[in-house]
Amino acid sequence: MSRESGPIMTDAPDRDLASRCLSRAKTDVETWLALLEQGQLATIAPFGQMFVYQLKLQQKLDDRAFAIGELYRLYYRREDGEGTIPIPTDLLRGIV
């Protein structure tokens, strides 16, 4: 039997964790970039400031999909997600 390569989420807790982390990443990136555009970088928590700074260094401030993906991976690892980080393609639709 042939399987497609790439991450597959078969365990419901992994899918729930991925969904929570992705939702949080979307919200945080949108909030942080909006505050940055308003000139309110100082109001963002230090972790958010460093994340925005890293995006700026990588010249990725305008790439919301990249930012959300990176933050999602960080959040997933922080939540003790193990193994290959699942990429829930159905959840990633509409990020751009």
PDB file of N, CA and C in Angstrom:
ATOM      1  N   MET A   1       0.843  -1.169   0.000  1.00  0.00           N
ATOM      2  CA  MET A   1       0.000   0.000   0.000  1.00  0.00           C
ATOM      3  C   MET A   1       0.895   1.241   0.000  1.00  0.00           C
ATOM      4  N   SER A   2       0.606   2.196  -0.849  1.00  0.00           N
ATOM      5  CA  SER A   2       1.414   3.405  -0.992  1.00  0.00           C
ATOM      6  C   SER A   2       0.838   4.527  -0.137  1.00  0.00           C
ATOM      7  N   ARG A   3       1.729   5.260   0.526  1.00  0.00           N
ATOM      8  CA  ARG A   3       1.307   6.426   1.315  1.00  0.00           C
ATOM      9  C   ARG A   3       1.987   7.657   0.769  1.00  0.00           C
ATOM     10  N   GLU A   4       1.284   8.757   0.807  1.00  0.00           N
ATOM     11  CA  GLU A   4       1.892  10.023   0.395  1.00  0.00           C
ATOM     12  C   GLU A   4       2.919  10.418   1.441  1.00  0.00           C
ATOM     13  N   SER A   5       3.996  11.027   0.980  1.00  0.00           N
ATOM     14  CA  SER A   5       4.997  11.476   1.945  1.00  0.00           C
ATOM     15  C   SER A   5       4.544  12.781   2.574  1.00  0.00           C
ATOM     16  N   GLY A   6       5.111  13.084   3.717  1.00  0.00           N
ATOM     17  CA  GLY A   6       4.776  14.323   4.417  1.00  0.00           C
ATOM     18  C   GLY A   6       4.060  14.021   5.708  1.00  0.00           C
ATOM     19  N   PRO A   7       3.905  15.032   6.527  1.00  0.00           N
ATOM     20  CA  PRO A   7       3.272  14.834   7.824  1.00  0.00           C
ATOM     21  C   PRO A   7       1.809  14.422   7.680  1.00  0.00           C
ATOM     22  N   ILE A   8       1.419  13.458   8.474  1.00  0.00           N
ATOM     23  CA  ILE A   8       0.044  13.014   8.503  1.00  0.00           C
ATOM     24  C   ILE A   8      -0.418  13.059   9.948  1.00  0.00           C
ATOM     25  N   MET A   9      -1.553  13.665  10.172  1.00  0.00           N
ATOM     26  CA  MET A   9      -2.056  13.756  11.532  1.00  0.00           C
ATOM     27  C   MET A   9      -3.122  12.686  11.714  1.00  0.00           C
ATOM     28  N   THR A  10      -2.761  11.661  12.458  1.00  0.00           N
ATOM     29  CA  THR A  10      -3.714  10.578  12.668  1.00  0.00           C
ATOM     30  C   THR A  10      -4.268  10.606  14.082  1.00  0.00           C
ATOM     31  N   ASP A  11      -3.568  11.213  14.991  1.00  0.00           N
ATOM     32  CA  ASP A  11      -3.977  11.235  16.388  1.00  0.00           C
ATOM     33  C   ASP A  11      -4.762  12.516  16.660  1.00  0.00           C
ATOM     34  N   ALA A  12      -5.969  12.375  17.173  1.00  0.00           N
ATOM     35  CA  ALA A  12      -6.825  13.537  17.423  1.00  0.00           C
ATOM     36  C   ALA A  12      -6.174  14.591  18.307  1.00  0.00           C
ATOM     37  N   PRO A  13      -5.459  14.218  19.398  1.00  0.00           N
ATOM     38  CA  PRO A  13      -4.822  15.257  20.204  1.00  0.00           C
ATOM     39  C   PRO A  13      -3.817  16.089  19.406  1.00  0.00           C
ATOM     40  N   ASP A  14      -3.084  15.454  18.468  1.00  0.00           N
ATOM     41  CA  ASP A  14      -2.156  16.220  17.634  1.00  0.00           C
ATOM     42  C   ASP A  14      -2.909  17.244  16.800  1.00  0.00           C
ATOM     43  N   ARG A  15      -4.036  16.843  16.284  1.00  0.00           N
ATOM     44  CA  ARG A  15      -4.833  17.757  15.463  1.00  0.00           C
ATOM     45  C   ARG A  15      -5.388  18.895  16.319  1.00  0.00           C
ATOM     46  N   ASP A  16      -5.846  18.588  17.504  1.00  0.00           N
ATOM     47  CA  ASP A  16      -6.351  19.624  18.398  1.00  0.00           C
ATOM     48  C   ASP A  16      -5.240  20.589  18.798  1.00  0.00           C
ATOM     49  N   LEU A  17      -4.078  20.043  19.133  1.00  0.00           N
ATOM     50  CA  LEU A  17      -2.941  20.878  19.501  1.00  0.00           C
ATOM     51  C   LEU A  17      -2.533  21.754  18.321  1.00  0.00           C
ATOM     52  N   ALA A  18      -2.462  21.157  17.139  1.00  0.00           N
ATOM     53  CA  ALA A  18      -2.091  21.917  15.945  1.00  0.00           C
ATOM     54  C   ALA A  18      -3.084  23.045  15.688  1.00  0.00           C
ATOM     55  N   SER A  19      -4.355  22.747  15.834  1.00  0.00           N
ATOM     56  CA  SER A  19      -5.393  23.751  15.607  1.00  0.00           C
ATOM     57  C   SER A  19      -5.275  24.905  16.601  1.00  0.00           C
ATOM     58  N   ARG A  20      -5.061  24.581  17.865  1.00  0.00           N
ATOM     59  CA  ARG A  20      -4.911  25.628  18.898  1.00  0.00           C
ATOM     60  C   ARG A  20      -3.672  26.482  18.632  1.00  0.00           C
ATOM     61  N   CYS A  21      -2.569  25.834  18.311  1.00  0.00           N
ATOM     62  CA  CYS A  21      -1.317  26.574  18.071  1.00  0.00           C
ATOM     63  C   CYS A  21      -1.426  27.453  16.839  1.00  0.00           C
ATOM     64  N   LEU A  22      -2.067  26.937  15.792  1.00  0.00           N
ATOM     65  CA  LEU A  22      -2.228  27.724  14.575  1.00  0.00           C
ATOM     66  C   LEU A  22      -3.140  28.921  14.813  1.00  0.00           C
ATOM     67  N   SER A  23      -4.214  28.714  15.528  1.00  0.00           N
ATOM     68  CA  SER A  23      -5.134  29.810  15.836  1.00  0.00           C
ATOM     69  C   SER A  23      -4.431  30.901  16.632  1.00  0.00           C
ATOM     70  N   ARG A  24      -3.663  30.487  17.621  1.00  0.00           N
ATOM     71  CA  ARG A  24      -2.923  31.451  18.439  1.00  0.00           C
ATOM     72  C   ARG A  24      -1.885  32.195  17.604  1.00  0.00           C
ATOM     73  N   ALA A  25      -1.190  31.468  16.731  1.00  0.00           N
ATOM     74  CA  ALA A  25      -0.177  32.099  15.875  1.00  0.00           C
ATOM     75  C   ALA A  25      -0.806  33.136  14.952  1.00  0.00           C
ATOM     76  N   LYS A  26      -1.944  32.792  14.345  1.00  0.00           N
ATOM     77  CA  LYS A  26      -2.640  33.738  13.464  1.00  0.00           C
ATOM     78  C   LYS A  26      -2.995  35.011  14.221  1.00  0.00           C
ATOM     79  N   THR A  27      -3.604  34.843  15.391  1.00  0.00           N
ATOM     80  CA  THR A  27      -4.032  35.985  16.191  1.00  0.00           C
ATOM     81  C   THR A  27      -2.843  36.849  16.595  1.00  0.00           C
ATOM     82  N   ASP A  28      -1.787  36.207  17.085  1.00  0.00           N
ATOM     83  CA  ASP A  28      -0.622  36.969  17.548  1.00  0.00           C
ATOM     84  C   ASP A  28       0.061  37.710  16.409  1.00  0.00           C
ATOM     85  N   VAL A  29       0.275  37.052  15.282  1.00  0.00           N
ATOM     86  CA  VAL A  29       0.937  37.719  14.150  1.00  0.00           C
ATOM     87  C   VAL A  29       0.109  38.908  13.684  1.00  0.00           C
ATOM     88  N   GLU A  30      -1.186  38.715  13.510  1.00  0.00           N
ATOM     89  CA  GLU A  30      -2.038  39.817  13.052  1.00  0.00           C
ATOM     90  C   GLU A  30      -2.007  40.983  14.044  1.00  0.00           C
ATOM     91  N   THR A  31      -2.069  40.675  15.326  1.00  0.00           N
ATOM     92  CA  THR A  31      -2.052  41.713  16.365  1.00  0.00           C
ATOM     93  C   THR A  31      -0.719  42.443  16.365  1.00  0.00           C
ATOM     94  N   TRP A  32       0.364  41.683  16.378  1.00  0.00           N
ATOM     95  CA  TRP A  32       1.691  42.305  16.449  1.00  0.00           C
ATOM     96  C   TRP A  32       1.978  43.174  15.232  1.00  0.00           C
ATOM     97  N   LEU A  33       1.631  42.685  14.045  1.00  0.00           N
ATOM     98  CA  LEU A  33       1.909  43.478  12.844  1.00  0.00           C
ATOM     99  C   LEU A  33       1.015  44.715  12.772  1.00  0.00           C
ATOM    100  N   ALA A  34      -0.207  44.602  13.263  1.00  0.00           N
ATOM    101  CA  ALA A  34      -1.087  45.784  13.307  1.00  0.00           C
ATOM    102  C   ALA A  34      -0.523  46.829  14.262  1.00  0.00           C
ATOM    103  N   LEU A  35      -0.062  46.384  15.425  1.00  0.00           N
ATOM    104  CA  LEU A  35       0.531  47.323  16.385  1.00  0.00           C
ATOM    105  C   LEU A  35       1.805  47.947  15.824  1.00  0.00           C
ATOM    106  N   LEU A  36       2.589  47.162  15.106  1.00  0.00           N
ATOM    107  CA  LEU A  36       3.806  47.685  14.476  1.00  0.00           C
ATOM    108  C   LEU A  36       3.445  48.773  13.468  1.00  0.00           C
ATOM    109  N   GLU A  37       2.428  48.523  12.648  1.00  0.00           N
ATOM    110  CA  GLU A  37       1.999  49.504  11.653  1.00  0.00           C
ATOM    111  C   GLU A  37       1.502  50.791  12.305  1.00  0.00           C
ATOM    112  N   GLN A  38       0.977  50.682  13.522  1.00  0.00           N
ATOM    113  CA  GLN A  38       0.475  51.849  14.245  1.00  0.00           C
ATOM    114  C   GLN A  38       1.578  52.539  15.052  1.00  0.00           C
ATOM    115  N   GLY A  39       2.806  52.030  14.942  1.00  0.00           N
ATOM    116  CA  GLY A  39       3.917  52.624  15.676  1.00  0.00           C
ATOM    117  C   GLY A  39       3.905  52.298  17.155  1.00  0.00           C
ATOM    118  N   GLN A  40       3.299  51.168  17.514  1.00  0.00           N
ATOM    119  CA  GLN A  40       3.168  50.802  18.921  1.00  0.00           C
ATOM    120  C   GLN A  40       3.945  49.528  19.270  1.00  0.00           C
ATOM    121  N   LEU A  41       5.114  49.371  18.695  1.00  0.00           N
ATOM    122  CA  LEU A  41       5.938  48.189  18.956  1.00  0.00           C
ATOM    123  C   LEU A  41       6.221  48.018  20.447  1.00  0.00           C
ATOM    124  N   ALA A  42       6.393  49.120  21.155  1.00  0.00           N
ATOM    125  CA  ALA A  42       6.716  49.054  22.584  1.00  0.00           C
ATOM    126  C   ALA A  42       5.595  48.447  23.426  1.00  0.00           C
ATOM    127  N   THR A  43       4.381  48.396  22.890  1.00  0.00           N
ATOM    128  CA  THR A  43       3.263  47.828  23.656  1.00  0.00           C
ATOM    129  C   THR A  43       3.185  46.303  23.528  1.00  0.00           C
ATOM    130  N   ILE A  44       3.987  45.742  22.634  1.00  0.00           N
ATOM    131  CA  ILE A  44       4.005  44.295  22.430  1.00  0.00           C
ATOM    132  C   ILE A  44       4.908  43.659  23.475  1.00  0.00           C
ATOM    133  N   ALA A  45       4.503  42.502  23.985  1.00  0.00           N
ATOM    134  CA  ALA A  45       5.323  41.762  24.960  1.00  0.00           C
ATOM    135  C   ALA A  45       6.704  41.474  24.356  1.00  0.00           C
ATOM    136  N   PRO A  46       7.734  41.330  25.207  1.00  0.00           N
ATOM    137  CA  PRO A  46       9.104  41.120  24.706  1.00  0.00           C
ATOM    138  C   PRO A  46       9.236  39.974  23.702  1.00  0.00           C
ATOM    139  N   PHE A  47       8.554  38.852  23.927  1.00  0.00           N
ATOM    140  CA  PHE A  47       8.638  37.748  22.962  1.00  0.00           C
ATOM    141  C   PHE A  47       8.139  38.199  21.593  1.00  0.00           C
ATOM    142  N   GLY A  48       7.029  38.902  21.572  1.00  0.00           N
ATOM    143  CA  GLY A  48       6.475  39.403  20.316  1.00  0.00           C
ATOM    144  C   GLY A  48       7.399  40.405  19.642  1.00  0.00           C
ATOM    145  N   GLN A  49       8.016  41.275  20.444  1.00  0.00           N
ATOM    146  CA  GLN A  49       8.962  42.239  19.890  1.00  0.00           C
ATOM    147  C   GLN A  49      10.136  41.531  19.224  1.00  0.00           C
ATOM    148  N   MET A  50      10.646  40.506  19.893  1.00  0.00           N
ATOM    149  CA  MET A  50      11.780  39.761  19.318  1.00  0.00           C
ATOM    150  C   MET A  50      11.365  39.022  18.050  1.00  0.00           C
ATOM    151  N   PHE A  51      10.166  38.486  18.044  1.00  0.00           N
ATOM    152  CA  PHE A  51       9.684  37.787  16.859  1.00  0.00           C
ATOM    153  C   PHE A  51       9.568  38.760  15.688  1.00  0.00           C
ATOM    154  N   VAL A  52       8.993  39.929  15.931  1.00  0.00           N
ATOM    155  CA  VAL A  52       8.863  40.950  14.888  1.00  0.00           C
ATOM    156  C   VAL A  52      10.252  41.394  14.415  1.00  0.00           C
ATOM    157  N   TYR A  53      11.180  41.550  15.348  1.00  0.00           N
ATOM    158  CA  TYR A  53      12.545  41.939  14.990  1.00  0.00           C
ATOM    159  C   TYR A  53      13.189  40.886  14.085  1.00  0.00           C
ATOM    160  N   GLN A  54      12.986  39.614  14.410  1.00  0.00           N
ATOM    161  CA  GLN A  54      13.538  38.533  13.578  1.00  0.00           C
ATOM    162  C   GLN A  54      12.917  38.553  12.180  1.00  0.00           C
ATOM    163  N   LEU A  55      11.624  38.808  12.099  1.00  0.00           N
ATOM    164  CA  LEU A  55      10.987  38.921  10.790  1.00  0.00           C
ATOM    165  C   LEU A  55      11.606  40.061   9.985  1.00  0.00           C
ATOM    166  N   LYS A  56      11.864  41.171  10.674  1.00  0.00           N
ATOM    167  CA  LYS A  56      12.464  42.323   9.999  1.00  0.00           C
ATOM    168  C   LYS A  56      13.864  41.984   9.496  1.00  0.00           C
ATOM    169  N   LEU A  57      14.662  41.297  10.320  1.00  0.00           N
ATOM    170  CA  LEU A  57      16.012  40.905   9.907  1.00  0.00           C
ATOM    171  C   LEU A  57      15.980  39.990   8.685  1.00  0.00           C
ATOM    172  N   GLN A  58      14.983  39.128   8.629  1.00  0.00           N
ATOM    173  CA  GLN A  58      14.855  38.188   7.515  1.00  0.00           C
ATOM    174  C   GLN A  58      14.114  38.795   6.320  1.00  0.00           C
ATOM    175  N   GLN A  59      13.745  40.051   6.449  1.00  0.00           N
ATOM    176  CA  GLN A  59      12.979  40.764   5.433  1.00  0.00           C
ATOM    177  C   GLN A  59      11.685  40.026   5.097  1.00  0.00           C
ATOM    178  N   LYS A  60      10.989  39.588   6.154  1.00  0.00           N
ATOM    179  CA  LYS A  60       9.754  38.824   5.995  1.00  0.00           C
ATOM    180  C   LYS A  60       8.559  39.510   6.663  1.00  0.00           C
ATOM    181  N   LEU A  61       8.674  40.797   6.990  1.00  0.00           N
ATOM    182  CA  LEU A  61       7.561  41.491   7.652  1.00  0.00           C
ATOM    183  C   LEU A  61       6.287  41.483   6.819  1.00  0.00           C
ATOM    184  N   ASP A  62       6.404  41.470   5.502  1.00  0.00           N
ATOM    185  CA  ASP A  62       5.225  41.513   4.640  1.00  0.00           C
ATOM    186  C   ASP A  62       4.678  40.130   4.310  1.00  0.00           C
ATOM    187  N   ASP A  63       5.349  39.092   4.770  1.00  0.00           N
ATOM    188  CA  ASP A  63       4.939  37.716   4.451  1.00  0.00           C
ATOM    189  C   ASP A  63       4.207  37.109   5.648  1.00  0.00           C
ATOM    190  N   ARG A  64       2.923  37.376   5.741  1.00  0.00           N
ATOM    191  CA  ARG A  64       2.132  36.915   6.890  1.00  0.00           C
ATOM    192  C   ARG A  64       2.086  35.387   6.971  1.00  0.00           C
ATOM    193  N   ALA A  65       2.000  34.724   5.835  1.00  0.00           N
ATOM    194  CA  ALA A  65       1.954  33.254   5.843  1.00  0.00           C
ATOM    195  C   ALA A  65       3.245  32.689   6.438  1.00  0.00           C
ATOM    196  N   PHE A  66       4.383  33.265   6.077  1.00  0.00           N
ATOM    197  CA  PHE A  66       5.661  32.823   6.636  1.00  0.00           C
ATOM    198  C   PHE A  66       5.672  33.049   8.147  1.00  0.00           C
ATOM    199  N   ALA A  67       5.261  34.252   8.566  1.00  0.00           N
ATOM    200  CA  ALA A  67       5.279  34.600   9.988  1.00  0.00           C
ATOM    201  C   ALA A  67       4.376  33.668  10.796  1.00  0.00           C
ATOM    202  N   ILE A  68       3.183  33.418  10.285  1.00  0.00           N
ATOM    203  CA  ILE A  68       2.254  32.535  10.989  1.00  0.00           C
ATOM    204  C   ILE A  68       2.813  31.123  11.054  1.00  0.00           C
ATOM    205  N   GLY A  69       3.382  30.652   9.958  1.00  0.00           N
ATOM    206  CA  GLY A  69       3.969  29.312   9.938  1.00  0.00           C
ATOM    207  C   GLY A  69       5.101  29.158  10.937  1.00  0.00           C
ATOM    208  N   GLU A  70       5.972  30.154  11.003  1.00  0.00           N
ATOM    209  CA  GLU A  70       7.094  30.102  11.945  1.00  0.00           C
ATOM    210  C   GLU A  70       6.604  30.120  13.390  1.00  0.00           C
ATOM    211  N   LEU A  71       5.657  31.000  13.680  1.00  0.00           N
ATOM    212  CA  LEU A  71       5.146  31.103  15.041  1.00  0.00           C
ATOM    213  C   LEU A  71       4.361  29.842  15.420  1.00  0.00           C
ATOM    214  N   TYR A  72       3.634  29.290  14.468  1.00  0.00           N
ATOM    215  CA  TYR A  72       2.912  28.034  14.701  1.00  0.00           C
ATOM    216  C   TYR A  72       3.891  26.933  15.120  1.00  0.00           C
ATOM    217  N   ARG A  73       4.994  26.811  14.407  1.00  0.00           N
ATOM    218  CA  ARG A  73       5.988  25.786  14.745  1.00  0.00           C
ATOM    219  C   ARG A  73       6.563  26.016  16.148  1.00  0.00           C
ATOM    220  N   LEU A  74       6.836  27.266  16.479  1.00  0.00           N
ATOM    221  CA  LEU A  74       7.338  27.576  17.819  1.00  0.00           C
ATOM    222  C   LEU A  74       6.320  27.200  18.892  1.00  0.00           C
ATOM    223  N   TYR A  75       5.083  27.593  18.695  1.00  0.00           N
ATOM    224  CA  TYR A  75       4.044  27.290  19.672  1.00  0.00           C
ATOM    225  C   TYR A  75       3.831  25.789  19.807  1.00  0.00           C
ATOM    226  N   TYR A  76       3.862  25.077  18.703  1.00  0.00           N
ATOM    227  CA  TYR A  76       3.655  23.628  18.746  1.00  0.00           C
ATOM    228  C   TYR A  76       4.747  22.967  19.581  1.00  0.00           C
ATOM    229  N   ARG A  77       5.988  23.367  19.386  1.00  0.00           N
ATOM    230  CA  ARG A  77       7.100  22.810  20.167  1.00  0.00           C
ATOM    231  C   ARG A  77       6.995  23.211  21.638  1.00  0.00           C
ATOM    232  N   ARG A  78       6.596  24.445  21.899  1.00  0.00           N
ATOM    233  CA  ARG A  78       6.456  24.906  23.289  1.00  0.00           C
ATOM    234  C   ARG A  78       5.383  24.131  24.034  1.00  0.00           C
ATOM    235  N   GLU A  79       4.403  23.636  23.308  1.00  0.00           N
ATOM    236  CA  GLU A  79       3.315  22.874  23.915  1.00  0.00           C
ATOM    237  C   GLU A  79       3.664  21.388  24.002  1.00  0.00           C
ATOM    238  N   ASP A  80       4.929  21.071  23.842  1.00  0.00           N
ATOM    239  CA  ASP A  80       5.426  19.697  23.911  1.00  0.00           C
ATOM    240  C   ASP A  80       4.911  18.807  22.798  1.00  0.00           C
ATOM    241  N   GLY A  81       4.620  19.413  21.652  1.00  0.00           N
ATOM    242  CA  GLY A  81       4.273  18.601  20.490  1.00  0.00           C
ATOM    243  C   GLY A  81       5.501  17.790  20.112  1.00  0.00           C
ATOM    244  N   GLU A  82       5.302  16.529  19.853  1.00  0.00           N
ATOM    245  CA  GLU A  82       6.432  15.646  19.581  1.00  0.00           C
ATOM    246  C   GLU A  82       6.443  15.195  18.133  1.00  0.00           C
ATOM    247  N   GLY A  83       7.622  14.773  17.693  1.00  0.00           N
ATOM    248  CA  GLY A  83       7.753  14.244  16.348  1.00  0.00           C
ATOM    249  C   GLY A  83       7.698  15.335  15.305  1.00  0.00           C
ATOM    250  N   THR A  84       7.366  14.921  14.109  1.00  0.00           N
ATOM    251  CA  THR A  84       7.244  15.859  13.009  1.00  0.00           C
ATOM    252  C   THR A  84       6.075  16.791  13.274  1.00  0.00           C
ATOM    253  N   ILE A  85       6.298  18.058  13.101  1.00  0.00           N
ATOM    254  CA  ILE A  85       5.235  19.035  13.332  1.00  0.00           C
ATOM    255  C   ILE A  85       4.197  18.872  12.230  1.00  0.00           C
ATOM    256  N   PRO A  86       2.954  18.600  12.619  1.00  0.00           N
ATOM    257  CA  PRO A  86       1.920  18.417  11.600  1.00  0.00           C
ATOM    258  C   PRO A  86       1.606  19.729  10.891  1.00  0.00           C
ATOM    259  N   ILE A  87       1.458  19.633   9.605  1.00  0.00           N
ATOM    260  CA  ILE A  87       1.071  20.799   8.825  1.00  0.00           C
ATOM    261  C   ILE A  87      -0.368  20.557   8.381  1.00  0.00           C
ATOM    262  N   PRO A  88      -1.305  21.101   9.128  1.00  0.00           N
ATOM    263  CA  PRO A  88      -2.725  20.858   8.825  1.00  0.00           C
ATOM    264  C   PRO A  88      -3.179  21.709   7.643  1.00  0.00           C
ATOM    265  N   THR A  89      -3.017  21.167   6.431  1.00  0.00           N
ATOM    266  CA  THR A  89      -3.285  21.956   5.229  1.00  0.00           C
ATOM    267  C   THR A  89      -4.692  22.520   5.209  1.00  0.00           C
ATOM    268  N   ASP A  90      -5.657  21.782   5.739  1.00  0.00           N
ATOM    269  CA  ASP A  90      -7.019  22.315   5.748  1.00  0.00           C
ATOM    270  C   ASP A  90      -7.135  23.521   6.675  1.00  0.00           C
ATOM    271  N   LEU A  91      -6.302  23.557   7.713  1.00  0.00           N
ATOM    272  CA  LEU A  91      -6.319  24.694   8.644  1.00  0.00           C
ATOM    273  C   LEU A  91      -5.519  25.870   8.106  1.00  0.00           C
ATOM    274  N   LEU A  92      -4.558  25.596   7.229  1.00  0.00           N
ATOM    275  CA  LEU A  92      -3.712  26.664   6.701  1.00  0.00           C
ATOM    276  C   LEU A  92      -4.366  27.413   5.541  1.00  0.00           C
ATOM    277  N   ARG A  93      -5.444  26.876   5.011  1.00  0.00           N
ATOM    278  CA  ARG A  93      -6.126  27.562   3.908  1.00  0.00           C
ATOM    279  C   ARG A  93      -6.534  28.965   4.328  1.00  0.00           C
ATOM    280  N   GLY A  94      -6.339  29.907   3.448  1.00  0.00           N
ATOM    281  CA  GLY A  94      -6.783  31.265   3.726  1.00  0.00           C
ATOM    282  C   GLY A  94      -5.756  32.130   4.431  1.00  0.00           C
ATOM    283  N   ILE A  95      -4.565  31.591   4.706  1.00  0.00           N
ATOM    284  CA  ILE A  95      -3.515  32.406   5.323  1.00  0.00           C
ATOM    285  C   ILE A  95      -2.697  33.034   4.215  1.00  0.00           C
ATOM    286  N   VAL A  96      -2.896  34.248   3.990  1.00  0.00           N
ATOM    287  CA  VAL A  96      -2.082  35.011   3.044  1.00  0.00           C
ATOM    288  C   VAL A  96      -2.455  36.456   3.196  1.00  0.00           C
TER     289      VAL A  96
END
